C-alpha atoms as a PDB file:
ATOM      1  CA  MET A   1       4.841 -13.830   2.869  1.00  0.00           C
ATOM      2  CA  THR A   2       2.781 -13.875   5.992  1.00  0.00           C
ATOM      3  CA  SER A   3      -0.251 -16.076   5.339  1.00  0.00           C
ATOM      4  CA  GLY A   4       0.263 -17.668   1.941  1.00  0.00           C
ATOM      5  CA  SER A   5      -0.881 -14.636  -0.022  1.00  0.00           C
ATOM      6  CA  PRO A   6       0.887 -11.271  -0.237  1.00  0.00           C
ATOM      7  CA  SER A   7      -0.174  -8.497   2.118  1.00  0.00           C
ATOM      8  CA  ILE A   8       0.811  -4.930   2.914  1.00  0.00           C
ATOM      9  CA  HIS A   9       3.243  -6.424   5.406  1.00  0.00           C
ATOM     10  CA  ASP A  10       5.232  -7.973   2.547  1.00  0.00           C
ATOM     11  CA  LEU A  11       5.200  -4.979   0.217  1.00  0.00           C
ATOM     12  CA  ILE A  12       8.025  -2.749   1.472  1.00  0.00           C
ATOM     13  CA  GLY A  13      10.408  -5.654   2.025  1.00  0.00           C
ATOM     14  CA  SER A  14       9.670  -7.009  -1.440  1.00  0.00           C
ATOM     15  CA  ILE A  15      10.238  -3.599  -2.994  1.00  0.00           C
ATOM     16  CA  ALA A  16      13.557  -3.286  -1.183  1.00  0.00           C
ATOM     17  CA  GLY A  17      14.502  -6.782  -2.388  1.00  0.00           C
ATOM     18  CA  ALA A  18      13.497  -5.946  -5.965  1.00  0.00           C
ATOM     19  CA  MET A  19      15.712  -2.872  -5.742  1.00  0.00           C
ATOM     20  CA  GLY A  20      18.677  -4.963  -4.598  1.00  0.00           C
ATOM     21  CA  VAL A  21      18.821  -3.781  -0.987  1.00  0.00           C
ATOM     22  CA  ARG A  22      20.819  -6.275   1.092  1.00  0.00           C
ATOM     23  CA  GLY A  23      18.892  -8.081   3.803  1.00  0.00           C
ATOM     24  CA  PHE A  24      15.514  -7.951   2.045  1.00  0.00           C
ATOM     25  CA  GLU A  25      13.839 -10.746   0.108  1.00  0.00           C
ATOM     26  CA  ASN A  26      11.516 -10.085  -2.801  1.00  0.00           C
ATOM     27  CA  THR A  27       8.802 -12.494  -1.618  1.00  0.00           C
ATOM     28  CA  MET A  28       6.214 -10.983  -3.968  1.00  0.00           C
ATOM     29  CA  ALA A  29       8.390 -11.617  -7.056  1.00  0.00           C
ATOM     30  CA  LEU A  30       8.282  -7.961  -8.124  1.00  0.00           C
ATOM     31  CA  PRO A  31      10.289  -7.033 -11.223  1.00  0.00           C
ATOM     32  CA  THR A  32      13.765  -5.656 -10.611  1.00  0.00           C
ATOM     33  CA  SER A  33      13.731  -1.865 -10.704  1.00  0.00           C
ATOM     34  CA  ARG A  34      15.726   1.136  -9.550  1.00  0.00           C
ATOM     35  CA  ARG A  35      12.547   2.957  -8.467  1.00  0.00           C
ATOM     36  CA  TYR A  36       9.134   2.132  -7.051  1.00  0.00           C
ATOM     37  CA  VAL A  37       6.217   4.315  -5.958  1.00  0.00           C
ATOM     38  CA  VAL A  38       3.923   3.240  -3.141  1.00  0.00           C
ATOM     39  CA  LEU A  39       0.475   4.825  -2.911  1.00  0.00           C
ATOM     40  CA  LEU A  40      -1.384   3.811   0.227  1.00  0.00           C
ATOM     41  CA  VAL A  41      -5.106   4.502   0.375  1.00  0.00           C
ATOM     42  CA  ASP A  42      -6.501   3.983   3.853  1.00  0.00           C
ATOM     43  CA  GLY A  43     -10.203   3.127   3.936  1.00  0.00           C
ATOM     44  CA  MET A  44     -10.500   3.115   7.726  1.00  0.00           C
ATOM     45  CA  GLY A  45     -12.197   6.538   7.799  1.00  0.00           C
ATOM     46  CA  LEU A  46     -14.740   5.770   5.093  1.00  0.00           C
ATOM     47  CA  GLN A  47     -17.761   5.705   7.397  1.00  0.00           C
ATOM     48  CA  LEU A  48     -16.651   8.904   9.120  1.00  0.00           C
ATOM     49  CA  VAL A  49     -16.384  10.724   5.781  1.00  0.00           C
ATOM     50  CA  GLN A  50     -19.764   9.385   4.672  1.00  0.00           C
ATOM     51  CA  ASN A  51     -21.385  10.519   7.924  1.00  0.00           C
ATOM     52  CA  HIS A  52     -19.903  14.031   7.668  1.00  0.00           C
ATOM     53  CA  ARG A  53     -19.885  14.774   3.946  1.00  0.00           C
ATOM     54  CA  GLU A  54     -20.277  18.509   4.521  1.00  0.00           C
ATOM     55  CA  ARG A  55     -16.949  18.646   6.384  1.00  0.00           C
ATOM     56  CA  ALA A  56     -15.000  16.766   3.704  1.00  0.00           C
ATOM     57  CA  PRO A  57     -16.647  17.574   0.350  1.00  0.00           C
ATOM     58  CA  PHE A  58     -13.659  16.530  -1.778  1.00  0.00           C
ATOM     59  CA  LEU A  59     -13.201  13.196  -0.033  1.00  0.00           C
ATOM     60  CA  SER A  60     -16.918  12.495  -0.016  1.00  0.00           C
ATOM     61  CA  LYS A  61     -16.980  12.818  -3.814  1.00  0.00           C
ATOM     62  CA  LEU A  62     -14.474   9.962  -3.969  1.00  0.00           C
ATOM     63  CA  THR A  63     -16.670   7.557  -2.012  1.00  0.00           C
END
């Protein structure tokens, strides 16, 4: 873990560790599994979508 609490930085390594990939440590104590799905939602463009709702009607409905 980077700063005492888990972050996105720790996620992929922990998943690899939970899946038994050599060289990776499961620092987030994820359950052992053969498969994981990672869904990353990036909120960095939130203000841009809100300012231009007409150009991104689907995304603007999600905000």
